[in-house]
Amino acid sequence: MNGGEKVVCVTGASGYIASWIVKLLLLRGYTVNATVREPNDQKKTDHLLALEGAKERLKLFKANLLEEGSFEHAIDGCDAVFHTASPLTLTVSDPQLELIEPAVKGTINVLKNMH
């Protein structure tokens, strides 16, 4: 499969699985709109920017799962979306409140931006 002129959004692009998705999409010729919490945080984005094809076809977008509309610009004009973003916390006292509810809200926010 070849991406040609196709544009794909990957949410949570700095994460482990999403980084591999970005890498494979770039290798296949897709343009990737990648969402991250902080595009200027080099510790979180350098590995993405170093990927083959990134200079030509990778665009970073700031997005927050819990902020309605923050995925709009990244998703606009995309042919497909890989939604991998999810809340991350190291200590959880209430999984429903701290992980599940934000993940569901974030997924709804992403879906609302798809046309």
PDB file of N, CA and C in Angstrom:
ATOM      1  N   MET A   1       0.840  -1.170   0.000  1.00  0.00           N
ATOM      2  CA  MET A   1       0.000   0.000   0.000  1.00  0.00           C
ATOM      3  C   MET A   1       0.887   1.236   0.000  1.00  0.00           C
ATOM      4  N   ASN A   2       0.512   2.223  -0.801  1.00  0.00           N
ATOM      5  CA  ASN A   2       1.295   3.445  -0.910  1.00  0.00           C
ATOM      6  C   ASN A   2       0.410   4.630  -0.571  1.00  0.00           C
ATOM      7  N   GLY A   3       0.918   5.540   0.268  1.00  0.00           N
ATOM      8  CA  GLY A   3       0.150   6.683   0.714  1.00  0.00           C
ATOM      9  C   GLY A   3      -0.068   7.737  -0.339  1.00  0.00           C
ATOM     10  N   GLY A   4       0.867   7.873  -1.266  1.00  0.00           N
ATOM     11  CA  GLY A   4       0.731   8.880  -2.308  1.00  0.00           C
ATOM     12  C   GLY A   4       0.406  10.243  -1.755  1.00  0.00           C
ATOM     13  N   GLU A   5      -0.763  10.741  -2.079  1.00  0.00           N
ATOM     14  CA  GLU A   5      -1.203  12.077  -1.652  1.00  0.00           C
ATOM     15  C   GLU A   5      -2.055  12.018  -0.380  1.00  0.00           C
ATOM     16  N   LYS A   6      -2.173  10.886   0.231  1.00  0.00           N
ATOM     17  CA  LYS A   6      -3.074  10.740   1.379  1.00  0.00           C
ATOM     18  C   LYS A   6      -2.475  11.308   2.659  1.00  0.00           C
ATOM     19  N   VAL A   7      -3.368  11.883   3.479  1.00  0.00           N
ATOM     20  CA  VAL A   7      -2.978  12.465   4.762  1.00  0.00           C
ATOM     21  C   VAL A   7      -3.690  11.696   5.865  1.00  0.00           C
ATOM     22  N   VAL A   8      -2.932  11.299   6.878  1.00  0.00           N
ATOM     23  CA  VAL A   8      -3.467  10.519   7.992  1.00  0.00           C
ATOM     24  C   VAL A   8      -3.116  11.225   9.293  1.00  0.00           C
ATOM     25  N   CYS A   9      -4.068  11.261  10.224  1.00  0.00           N
ATOM     26  CA  CYS A   9      -3.812  11.819  11.555  1.00  0.00           C
ATOM     27  C   CYS A   9      -3.549  10.669  12.528  1.00  0.00           C
ATOM     28  N   VAL A  10      -2.540  10.848  13.377  1.00  0.00           N
ATOM     29  CA  VAL A  10      -2.263   9.901  14.454  1.00  0.00           C
ATOM     30  C   VAL A  10      -2.304  10.687  15.754  1.00  0.00           C
ATOM     31  N   THR A  11      -3.266  10.369  16.620  1.00  0.00           N
ATOM     32  CA  THR A  11      -3.352  11.063  17.903  1.00  0.00           C
ATOM     33  C   THR A  11      -2.424  10.387  18.905  1.00  0.00           C
ATOM     34  N   GLY A  12      -1.921  11.174  19.844  1.00  0.00           N
ATOM     35  CA  GLY A  12      -1.006  10.620  20.842  1.00  0.00           C
ATOM     36  C   GLY A  12       0.269  10.105  20.217  1.00  0.00           C
ATOM     37  N   ALA A  13       0.753  10.803  19.196  1.00  0.00           N
ATOM     38  CA  ALA A  13       1.837  10.302  18.342  1.00  0.00           C
ATOM     39  C   ALA A  13       3.156  10.059  19.056  1.00  0.00           C
ATOM     40  N   SER A  14       3.370  10.656  20.202  1.00  0.00           N
ATOM     41  CA  SER A  14       4.646  10.449  20.894  1.00  0.00           C
ATOM     42  C   SER A  14       4.671   9.154  21.700  1.00  0.00           C
ATOM     43  N   GLY A  15       3.538   8.483  21.807  1.00  0.00           N
ATOM     44  CA  GLY A  15       3.477   7.221  22.532  1.00  0.00           C
ATOM     45  C   GLY A  15       4.143   6.090  21.771  1.00  0.00           C
ATOM     46  N   TYR A  16       4.400   4.997  22.454  1.00  0.00           N
ATOM     47  CA  TYR A  16       5.144   3.880  21.869  1.00  0.00           C
ATOM     48  C   TYR A  16       4.456   3.301  20.625  1.00  0.00           C
ATOM     49  N   ILE A  17       3.210   2.902  20.763  1.00  0.00           N
ATOM     50  CA  ILE A  17       2.505   2.286  19.633  1.00  0.00           C
ATOM     51  C   ILE A  17       2.287   3.303  18.522  1.00  0.00           C
ATOM     52  N   ALA A  18       1.870   4.507  18.894  1.00  0.00           N
ATOM     53  CA  ALA A  18       1.629   5.545  17.892  1.00  0.00           C
ATOM     54  C   ALA A  18       2.893   5.893  17.121  1.00  0.00           C
ATOM     55  N   SER A  19       4.039   5.901  17.790  1.00  0.00           N
ATOM     56  CA  SER A  19       5.307   6.193  17.107  1.00  0.00           C
ATOM     57  C   SER A  19       5.579   5.184  16.002  1.00  0.00           C
ATOM     58  N   TRP A  20       5.272   3.927  16.258  1.00  0.00           N
ATOM     59  CA  TRP A  20       5.443   2.896  15.239  1.00  0.00           C
ATOM     60  C   TRP A  20       4.454   3.096  14.091  1.00  0.00           C
ATOM     61  N   ILE A  21       3.242   3.492  14.414  1.00  0.00           N
ATOM     62  CA  ILE A  21       2.256   3.770  13.362  1.00  0.00           C
ATOM     63  C   ILE A  21       2.753   4.913  12.485  1.00  0.00           C
ATOM     64  N   VAL A  22       3.238   5.987  13.117  1.00  0.00           N
ATOM     65  CA  VAL A  22       3.777   7.132  12.371  1.00  0.00           C
ATOM     66  C   VAL A  22       4.921   6.673  11.472  1.00  0.00           C
ATOM     67  N   LYS A  23       5.831   5.902  12.027  1.00  0.00           N
ATOM     68  CA  LYS A  23       6.984   5.421  11.254  1.00  0.00           C
ATOM     69  C   LYS A  23       6.538   4.636  10.018  1.00  0.00           C
ATOM     70  N   LEU A  24       5.626   3.699  10.205  1.00  0.00           N
ATOM     71  CA  LEU A  24       5.165   2.872   9.088  1.00  0.00           C
ATOM     72  C   LEU A  24       4.416   3.696   8.045  1.00  0.00           C
ATOM     73  N   LEU A  25       3.610   4.648   8.484  1.00  0.00           N
ATOM     74  CA  LEU A  25       2.892   5.503   7.535  1.00  0.00           C
ATOM     75  C   LEU A  25       3.866   6.339   6.709  1.00  0.00           C
ATOM     76  N   LEU A  26       4.865   6.925   7.365  1.00  0.00           N
ATOM     77  CA  LEU A  26       5.865   7.715   6.641  1.00  0.00           C
ATOM     78  C   LEU A  26       6.621   6.849   5.639  1.00  0.00           C
ATOM     79  N   LEU A  27       7.005   5.653   6.053  1.00  0.00           N
ATOM     80  CA  LEU A  27       7.728   4.749   5.152  1.00  0.00           C
ATOM     81  C   LEU A  27       6.899   4.371   3.924  1.00  0.00           C
ATOM     82  N   ARG A  28       5.586   4.382   4.079  1.00  0.00           N
ATOM     83  CA  ARG A  28       4.701   4.032   2.962  1.00  0.00           C
ATOM     84  C   ARG A  28       4.261   5.253   2.163  1.00  0.00           C
ATOM     85  N   GLY A  29       4.811   6.429   2.493  1.00  0.00           N
ATOM     86  CA  GLY A  29       4.562   7.614   1.683  1.00  0.00           C
ATOM     87  C   GLY A  29       3.415   8.499   2.110  1.00  0.00           C
ATOM     88  N   TYR A  30       2.799   8.212   3.244  1.00  0.00           N
ATOM     89  CA  TYR A  30       1.709   9.055   3.725  1.00  0.00           C
ATOM     90  C   TYR A  30       2.257  10.343   4.338  1.00  0.00           C
ATOM     91  N   THR A  31       1.454  11.398   4.291  1.00  0.00           N
ATOM     92  CA  THR A  31       1.702  12.588   5.088  1.00  0.00           C
ATOM     93  C   THR A  31       0.997  12.347   6.412  1.00  0.00           C
ATOM     94  N   VAL A  32       1.674  12.646   7.520  1.00  0.00           N
ATOM     95  CA  VAL A  32       1.123  12.359   8.842  1.00  0.00           C
ATOM     96  C   VAL A  32       0.953  13.647   9.638  1.00  0.00           C
ATOM     97  N   ASN A  33      -0.280  13.885  10.074  1.00  0.00           N
ATOM     98  CA  ASN A  33      -0.572  14.937  11.038  1.00  0.00           C
ATOM     99  C   ASN A  33      -0.564  14.269  12.406  1.00  0.00           C
ATOM    100  N   ALA A  34       0.434  14.562  13.193  1.00  0.00           N
ATOM    101  CA  ALA A  34       0.630  13.890  14.478  1.00  0.00           C
ATOM    102  C   ALA A  34       0.261  14.821  15.622  1.00  0.00           C
ATOM    103  N   THR A  35      -0.629  14.368  16.505  1.00  0.00           N
ATOM    104  CA  THR A  35      -0.964  15.195  17.659  1.00  0.00           C
ATOM    105  C   THR A  35      -0.144  14.757  18.862  1.00  0.00           C
ATOM    106  N   VAL A  36       0.317  15.754  19.599  1.00  0.00           N
ATOM    107  CA  VAL A  36       1.080  15.546  20.830  1.00  0.00           C
ATOM    108  C   VAL A  36       0.643  16.611  21.828  1.00  0.00           C
ATOM    109  N   ARG A  37       0.914  16.378  23.099  1.00  0.00           N
ATOM    110  CA  ARG A  37       0.538  17.370  24.110  1.00  0.00           C
ATOM    111  C   ARG A  37       1.355  18.646  23.970  1.00  0.00           C
ATOM    112  N   GLU A  38       2.652  18.488  23.737  1.00  0.00           N
ATOM    113  CA  GLU A  38       3.559  19.638  23.633  1.00  0.00           C
ATOM    114  C   GLU A  38       4.504  19.465  22.447  1.00  0.00           C
ATOM    115  N   PRO A  39       4.193  20.051  21.290  1.00  0.00           N
ATOM    116  CA  PRO A  39       5.050  19.891  20.113  1.00  0.00           C
ATOM    117  C   PRO A  39       6.477  20.409  20.312  1.00  0.00           C
ATOM    118  N   ASN A  40       6.677  21.334  21.237  1.00  0.00           N
ATOM    119  CA  ASN A  40       8.013  21.903  21.462  1.00  0.00           C
ATOM    120  C   ASN A  40       8.831  21.136  22.493  1.00  0.00           C
ATOM    121  N   ASP A  41       8.281  20.072  23.052  1.00  0.00           N
ATOM    122  CA  ASP A  41       9.006  19.254  24.028  1.00  0.00           C
ATOM    123  C   ASP A  41       9.866  18.246  23.271  1.00  0.00           C
ATOM    124  N   GLN A  42      11.138  18.586  23.078  1.00  0.00           N
ATOM    125  CA  GLN A  42      12.033  17.757  22.271  1.00  0.00           C
ATOM    126  C   GLN A  42      12.182  16.340  22.813  1.00  0.00           C
ATOM    127  N   LYS A  43      12.095  16.169  24.125  1.00  0.00           N
ATOM    128  CA  LYS A  43      12.200  14.827  24.699  1.00  0.00           C
ATOM    129  C   LYS A  43      11.064  13.933  24.200  1.00  0.00           C
ATOM    130  N   LYS A  44       9.934  14.541  23.887  1.00  0.00           N
ATOM    131  CA  LYS A  44       8.761  13.780  23.452  1.00  0.00           C
ATOM    132  C   LYS A  44       8.620  13.704  21.931  1.00  0.00           C
ATOM    133  N   THR A  45       9.322  14.591  21.202  1.00  0.00           N
ATOM    134  CA  THR A  45       9.098  14.647  19.757  1.00  0.00           C
ATOM    135  C   THR A  45      10.321  14.362  18.892  1.00  0.00           C
ATOM    136  N   ASP A  46      11.521  14.426  19.455  1.00  0.00           N
ATOM    137  CA  ASP A  46      12.731  14.226  18.640  1.00  0.00           C
ATOM    138  C   ASP A  46      12.730  12.886  17.907  1.00  0.00           C
ATOM    139  N   HIS A  47      12.246  11.832  18.567  1.00  0.00           N
ATOM    140  CA  HIS A  47      12.237  10.525  17.902  1.00  0.00           C
ATOM    141  C   HIS A  47      11.311  10.519  16.686  1.00  0.00           C
ATOM    142  N   LEU A  48      10.256  11.319  16.727  1.00  0.00           N
ATOM    143  CA  LEU A  48       9.357  11.420  15.579  1.00  0.00           C
ATOM    144  C   LEU A  48      10.002  12.226  14.454  1.00  0.00           C
ATOM    145  N   LEU A  49      10.612  13.348  14.825  1.00  0.00           N
ATOM    146  CA  LEU A  49      11.228  14.227  13.829  1.00  0.00           C
ATOM    147  C   LEU A  49      12.431  13.586  13.157  1.00  0.00           C
ATOM    148  N   ALA A  50      13.010  12.571  13.788  1.00  0.00           N
ATOM    149  CA  ALA A  50      14.172  11.876  13.222  1.00  0.00           C
ATOM    150  C   ALA A  50      13.778  10.756  12.257  1.00  0.00           C
ATOM    151  N   LEU A  51      12.498  10.454  12.149  1.00  0.00           N
ATOM    152  CA  LEU A  51      12.053   9.361  11.283  1.00  0.00           C
ATOM    153  C   LEU A  51      12.264   9.692   9.810  1.00  0.00           C
ATOM    154  N   GLU A  52      12.532   8.659   9.031  1.00  0.00           N
ATOM    155  CA  GLU A  52      12.680   8.826   7.587  1.00  0.00           C
ATOM    156  C   GLU A  52      11.382   9.383   7.001  1.00  0.00           C
ATOM    157  N   GLY A  53      11.485  10.469   6.254  1.00  0.00           N
ATOM    158  CA  GLY A  53      10.320  11.104   5.643  1.00  0.00           C
ATOM    159  C   GLY A  53       9.676  12.173   6.499  1.00  0.00           C
ATOM    160  N   ALA A  54      10.119  12.317   7.749  1.00  0.00           N
ATOM    161  CA  ALA A  54       9.495  13.273   8.662  1.00  0.00           C
ATOM    162  C   ALA A  54       9.660  14.719   8.198  1.00  0.00           C
ATOM    163  N   LYS A  55      10.826  15.062   7.692  1.00  0.00           N
ATOM    164  CA  LYS A  55      11.056  16.451   7.267  1.00  0.00           C
ATOM    165  C   LYS A  55      10.067  16.874   6.197  1.00  0.00           C
ATOM    166  N   GLU A  56       9.737  15.957   5.314  1.00  0.00           N
ATOM    167  CA  GLU A  56       8.854  16.282   4.200  1.00  0.00           C
ATOM    168  C   GLU A  56       7.373  16.071   4.511  1.00  0.00           C
ATOM    169  N   ARG A  57       7.048  15.084   5.371  1.00  0.00           N
ATOM    170  CA  ARG A  57       5.649  14.668   5.475  1.00  0.00           C
ATOM    171  C   ARG A  57       5.108  14.506   6.886  1.00  0.00           C
ATOM    172  N   LEU A  58       5.787  15.039   7.885  1.00  0.00           N
ATOM    173  CA  LEU A  58       5.283  14.954   9.263  1.00  0.00           C
ATOM    174  C   LEU A  58       5.004  16.353   9.781  1.00  0.00           C
ATOM    175  N   LYS A  59       3.784  16.543  10.276  1.00  0.00           N
ATOM    176  CA  LYS A  59       3.399  17.819  10.870  1.00  0.00           C
ATOM    177  C   LYS A  59       2.926  17.541  12.290  1.00  0.00           C
ATOM    178  N   LEU A  60       3.474  18.289  13.247  1.00  0.00           N
ATOM    179  CA  LEU A  60       3.080  18.127  14.646  1.00  0.00           C
ATOM    180  C   LEU A  60       2.006  19.146  15.003  1.00  0.00           C
ATOM    181  N   PHE A  61       1.007  18.698  15.739  1.00  0.00           N
ATOM    182  CA  PHE A  61      -0.088  19.544  16.189  1.00  0.00           C
ATOM    183  C   PHE A  61      -0.254  19.386  17.694  1.00  0.00           C
ATOM    184  N   LYS A  62      -0.454  20.498  18.376  1.00  0.00           N
ATOM    185  CA  LYS A  62      -0.732  20.453  19.813  1.00  0.00           C
ATOM    186  C   LYS A  62      -2.203  20.091  19.996  1.00  0.00           C
ATOM    187  N   ALA A  63      -2.466  19.118  20.854  1.00  0.00           N
ATOM    188  CA  ALA A  63      -3.843  18.716  21.127  1.00  0.00           C
ATOM    189  C   ALA A  63      -3.947  18.178  22.546  1.00  0.00           C
ATOM    190  N   ASN A  64      -5.095  18.405  23.141  1.00  0.00           N
ATOM    191  CA  ASN A  64      -5.379  17.944  24.493  1.00  0.00           C
ATOM    192  C   ASN A  64      -6.671  17.135  24.440  1.00  0.00           C
ATOM    193  N   LEU A  65      -6.609  15.893  24.869  1.00  0.00           N
ATOM    194  CA  LEU A  65      -7.779  15.011  24.828  1.00  0.00           C
ATOM    195  C   LEU A  65      -9.027  15.629  25.438  1.00  0.00           C
ATOM    196  N   LEU A  66      -8.857  16.362  26.511  1.00  0.00           N
ATOM    197  CA  LEU A  66     -10.011  16.869  27.247  1.00  0.00           C
ATOM    198  C   LEU A  66     -10.461  18.248  26.788  1.00  0.00           C
ATOM    199  N   GLU A  67      -9.788  18.790  25.779  1.00  0.00           N
ATOM    200  CA  GLU A  67     -10.126  20.121  25.280  1.00  0.00           C
ATOM    201  C   GLU A  67     -10.909  19.984  23.976  1.00  0.00           C
ATOM    202  N   GLU A  68     -12.184  20.274  24.039  1.00  0.00           N
ATOM    203  CA  GLU A  68     -13.036  20.128  22.867  1.00  0.00           C
ATOM    204  C   GLU A  68     -12.527  21.000  21.720  1.00  0.00           C
ATOM    205  N   GLY A  69     -12.433  20.418  20.546  1.00  0.00           N
ATOM    206  CA  GLY A  69     -11.992  21.148  19.361  1.00  0.00           C
ATOM    207  C   GLY A  69     -10.491  21.189  19.151  1.00  0.00           C
ATOM    208  N   SER A  70      -9.712  20.683  20.096  1.00  0.00           N
ATOM    209  CA  SER A  70      -8.256  20.804  19.956  1.00  0.00           C
ATOM    210  C   SER A  70      -7.678  19.883  18.880  1.00  0.00           C
ATOM    211  N   PHE A  71      -8.463  18.935  18.382  1.00  0.00           N
ATOM    212  CA  PHE A  71      -7.999  18.040  17.316  1.00  0.00           C
ATOM    213  C   PHE A  71      -8.450  18.506  15.932  1.00  0.00           C
ATOM    214  N   GLU A  72      -9.246  19.558  15.892  1.00  0.00           N
ATOM    215  CA  GLU A  72      -9.860  20.006  14.643  1.00  0.00           C
ATOM    216  C   GLU A  72      -8.845  20.248  13.528  1.00  0.00           C
ATOM    217  N   HIS A  73      -7.811  21.018  13.792  1.00  0.00           N
ATOM    218  CA  HIS A  73      -6.840  21.362  12.746  1.00  0.00           C
ATOM    219  C   HIS A  73      -6.031  20.148  12.301  1.00  0.00           C
ATOM    220  N   ALA A  74      -5.732  19.259  13.218  1.00  0.00           N
ATOM    221  CA  ALA A  74      -4.946  18.069  12.869  1.00  0.00           C
ATOM    222  C   ALA A  74      -5.749  17.099  12.009  1.00  0.00           C
ATOM    223  N   ILE A  75      -7.044  17.001  12.267  1.00  0.00           N
ATOM    224  CA  ILE A  75      -7.891  16.036  11.567  1.00  0.00           C
ATOM    225  C   ILE A  75      -8.432  16.586  10.250  1.00  0.00           C
ATOM    226  N   ASP A  76      -8.586  17.897  10.164  1.00  0.00           N
ATOM    227  CA  ASP A  76      -9.168  18.524   8.983  1.00  0.00           C
ATOM    228  C   ASP A  76      -8.428  18.105   7.710  1.00  0.00           C
ATOM    229  N   GLY A  77      -9.144  17.564   6.753  1.00  0.00           N
ATOM    230  CA  GLY A  77      -8.563  17.160   5.475  1.00  0.00           C
ATOM    231  C   GLY A  77      -7.912  15.788   5.466  1.00  0.00           C
ATOM    232  N   CYS A  78      -7.969  15.073   6.570  1.00  0.00           N
ATOM    233  CA  CYS A  78      -7.333  13.749   6.633  1.00  0.00           C
ATOM    234  C   CYS A  78      -8.216  12.676   5.995  1.00  0.00           C
ATOM    235  N   ASP A  79      -7.548  11.692   5.419  1.00  0.00           N
ATOM    236  CA  ASP A  79      -8.238  10.549   4.831  1.00  0.00           C
ATOM    237  C   ASP A  79      -8.538   9.474   5.868  1.00  0.00           C
ATOM    238  N   ALA A  80      -7.792   9.478   6.976  1.00  0.00           N
ATOM    239  CA  ALA A  80      -7.978   8.476   8.029  1.00  0.00           C
ATOM    240  C   ALA A  80      -7.409   9.019   9.337  1.00  0.00           C
ATOM    241  N   VAL A  81      -7.861   8.428  10.438  1.00  0.00           N
ATOM    242  CA  VAL A  81      -7.379   8.813  11.771  1.00  0.00           C
ATOM    243  C   VAL A  81      -7.078   7.548  12.563  1.00  0.00           C
ATOM    244  N   PHE A  82      -5.880   7.500  13.147  1.00  0.00           N
ATOM    245  CA  PHE A  82      -5.523   6.463  14.115  1.00  0.00           C
ATOM    246  C   PHE A  82      -5.586   7.136  15.482  1.00  0.00           C
ATOM    247  N   HIS A  83      -6.590   6.789  16.270  1.00  0.00           N
ATOM    248  CA  HIS A  83      -6.743   7.428  17.585  1.00  0.00           C
ATOM    249  C   HIS A  83      -6.088   6.554  18.648  1.00  0.00           C
ATOM    250  N   THR A  84      -4.890   6.945  19.077  1.00  0.00           N
ATOM    251  CA  THR A  84      -4.164   6.184  20.096  1.00  0.00           C
ATOM    252  C   THR A  84      -3.950   6.983  21.371  1.00  0.00           C
ATOM    253  N   ALA A  85      -4.310   8.266  21.352  1.00  0.00           N
ATOM    254  CA  ALA A  85      -4.109   9.099  22.538  1.00  0.00           C
ATOM    255  C   ALA A  85      -4.968   8.588  23.687  1.00  0.00           C
ATOM    256  N   SER A  86      -4.396   8.635  24.874  1.00  0.00           N
ATOM    257  CA  SER A  86      -5.115   8.203  26.065  1.00  0.00           C
ATOM    258  C   SER A  86      -4.500   8.891  27.272  1.00  0.00           C
ATOM    259  N   PRO A  87      -5.303   9.140  28.303  1.00  0.00           N
ATOM    260  CA  PRO A  87      -4.741   9.765  29.502  1.00  0.00           C
ATOM    261  C   PRO A  87      -3.657   8.883  30.112  1.00  0.00           C
ATOM    262  N   LEU A  88      -2.652   9.517  30.647  1.00  0.00           N
ATOM    263  CA  LEU A  88      -1.544   8.775  31.242  1.00  0.00           C
ATOM    264  C   LEU A  88      -1.253   9.337  32.624  1.00  0.00           C
ATOM    265  N   THR A  89      -1.284   8.473  33.600  1.00  0.00           N
ATOM    266  CA  THR A  89      -0.916   8.860  34.955  1.00  0.00           C
ATOM    267  C   THR A  89      -0.251   7.655  35.612  1.00  0.00           C
ATOM    268  N   LEU A  90       0.743   7.923  36.421  1.00  0.00           N
ATOM    269  CA  LEU A  90       1.499   6.829  37.032  1.00  0.00           C
ATOM    270  C   LEU A  90       0.837   6.257  38.276  1.00  0.00           C
ATOM    271  N   THR A  91       0.140   7.099  39.013  1.00  0.00           N
ATOM    272  CA  THR A  91      -0.557   6.611  40.203  1.00  0.00           C
ATOM    273  C   THR A  91      -2.048   6.869  40.029  1.00  0.00           C
ATOM    274  N   VAL A  92      -2.824   5.829  40.199  1.00  0.00           N
ATOM    275  CA  VAL A  92      -4.264   5.920  39.989  1.00  0.00           C
ATOM    276  C   VAL A  92      -4.978   5.457  41.245  1.00  0.00           C
ATOM    277  N   SER A  93      -5.815   6.338  41.788  1.00  0.00           N
ATOM    278  CA  SER A  93      -6.603   5.933  42.949  1.00  0.00           C
ATOM    279  C   SER A  93      -8.034   5.579  42.547  1.00  0.00           C
ATOM    280  N   ASP A  94      -8.535   6.217  41.477  1.00  0.00           N
ATOM    281  CA  ASP A  94      -9.881   5.936  40.980  1.00  0.00           C
ATOM    282  C   ASP A  94      -9.810   5.745  39.461  1.00  0.00           C
ATOM    283  N   PRO A  95      -9.634   4.505  38.994  1.00  0.00           N
ATOM    284  CA  PRO A  95      -9.468   4.253  37.558  1.00  0.00           C
ATOM    285  C   PRO A  95     -10.620   4.792  36.700  1.00  0.00           C
ATOM    286  N   GLN A  96     -11.831   4.659  37.182  1.00  0.00           N
ATOM    287  CA  GLN A  96     -12.988   5.155  36.421  1.00  0.00           C
ATOM    288  C   GLN A  96     -12.870   6.655  36.189  1.00  0.00           C
ATOM    289  N   LEU A  97     -12.596   7.390  37.245  1.00  0.00           N
ATOM    290  CA  LEU A  97     -12.529   8.850  37.172  1.00  0.00           C
ATOM    291  C   LEU A  97     -11.261   9.347  36.483  1.00  0.00           C
ATOM    292  N   GLU A  98     -10.142   8.697  36.718  1.00  0.00           N
ATOM    293  CA  GLU A  98      -8.857   9.203  36.237  1.00  0.00           C
ATOM    294  C   GLU A  98      -8.429   8.658  34.877  1.00  0.00           C
ATOM    295  N   LEU A  99      -8.946   7.504  34.474  1.00  0.00           N
ATOM    296  CA  LEU A  99      -8.529   6.904  33.204  1.00  0.00           C
ATOM    297  C   LEU A  99      -9.685   6.702  32.222  1.00  0.00           C
ATOM    298  N   ILE A 100     -10.722   6.011  32.667  1.00  0.00           N
ATOM    299  CA  ILE A 100     -11.794   5.635  31.750  1.00  0.00           C
ATOM    300  C   ILE A 100     -12.598   6.845  31.288  1.00  0.00           C
ATOM    301  N   GLU A 101     -13.069   7.663  32.217  1.00  0.00           N
ATOM    302  CA  GLU A 101     -13.871   8.820  31.821  1.00  0.00           C
ATOM    303  C   GLU A 101     -13.101   9.793  30.927  1.00  0.00           C
ATOM    304  N   PRO A 102     -11.848  10.139  31.247  1.00  0.00           N
ATOM    305  CA  PRO A 102     -11.103  11.014  30.330  1.00  0.00           C
ATOM    306  C   PRO A 102     -10.850  10.366  28.966  1.00  0.00           C
ATOM    307  N   ALA A 103     -10.628   9.059  28.929  1.00  0.00           N
ATOM    308  CA  ALA A 103     -10.406   8.376  27.648  1.00  0.00           C
ATOM    309  C   ALA A 103     -11.664   8.420  26.786  1.00  0.00           C
ATOM    310  N   VAL A 104     -12.815   8.194  27.401  1.00  0.00           N
ATOM    311  CA  VAL A 104     -14.082   8.247  26.668  1.00  0.00           C
ATOM    312  C   VAL A 104     -14.345   9.670  26.181  1.00  0.00           C
ATOM    313  N   LYS A 105     -14.162  10.645  27.060  1.00  0.00           N
ATOM    314  CA  LYS A 105     -14.371  12.048  26.674  1.00  0.00           C
ATOM    315  C   LYS A 105     -13.423  12.429  25.540  1.00  0.00           C
ATOM    316  N   GLY A 106     -12.177  12.007  25.628  1.00  0.00           N
ATOM    317  CA  GLY A 106     -11.201  12.304  24.585  1.00  0.00           C
ATOM    318  C   GLY A 106     -11.575  11.676  23.259  1.00  0.00           C
ATOM    319  N   THR A 107     -12.045  10.444  23.294  1.00  0.00           N
ATOM    320  CA  THR A 107     -12.465   9.773  22.061  1.00  0.00           C
ATOM    321  C   THR A 107     -13.645  10.500  21.434  1.00  0.00           C
ATOM    322  N   ILE A 108     -14.579  10.928  22.254  1.00  0.00           N
ATOM    323  CA  ILE A 108     -15.722  11.697  21.746  1.00  0.00           C
ATOM    324  C   ILE A 108     -15.238  13.002  21.128  1.00  0.00           C
ATOM    325  N   ASN A 109     -14.281  13.670  21.771  1.00  0.00           N
ATOM    326  CA  ASN A 109     -13.732  14.914  21.219  1.00  0.00           C
ATOM    327  C   ASN A 109     -13.097  14.678  19.851  1.00  0.00           C
ATOM    328  N   VAL A 110     -12.367  13.592  19.703  1.00  0.00           N
ATOM    329  CA  VAL A 110     -11.746  13.270  18.412  1.00  0.00           C
ATOM    330  C   VAL A 110     -12.829  12.973  17.376  1.00  0.00           C
ATOM    331  N   LEU A 111     -13.804  12.154  17.732  1.00  0.00           N
ATOM    332  CA  LEU A 111     -14.869  11.786  16.791  1.00  0.00           C
ATOM    333  C   LEU A 111     -15.670  12.995  16.325  1.00  0.00           C
ATOM    334  N   LYS A 112     -15.885  13.961  17.196  1.00  0.00           N
ATOM    335  CA  LYS A 112     -16.634  15.165  16.828  1.00  0.00           C
ATOM    336  C   LYS A 112     -15.930  15.967  15.739  1.00  0.00           C
ATOM    337  N   ASN A 113     -14.626  15.805  15.605  1.00  0.00           N
ATOM    338  CA  ASN A 113     -13.874  16.565  14.607  1.00  0.00           C
ATOM    339  C   ASN A 113     -13.754  15.850  13.270  1.00  0.00           C
ATOM    340  N   MET A 114     -14.272  14.645  13.178  1.00  0.00           N
ATOM    341  CA  MET A 114     -14.234  13.915  11.907  1.00  0.00           C
ATOM    342  C   MET A 114     -15.460  14.289  11.084  1.00  0.00           C
ATOM    343  N   HIS A 115     -15.228  14.552   9.818  1.00  0.00           N
ATOM    344  CA  HIS A 115     -16.343  14.958   8.937  1.00  0.00           C
ATOM    345  C   HIS A 115     -16.629  13.849   7.958  1.00  0.00           C
TER     346      HIS A 115
END
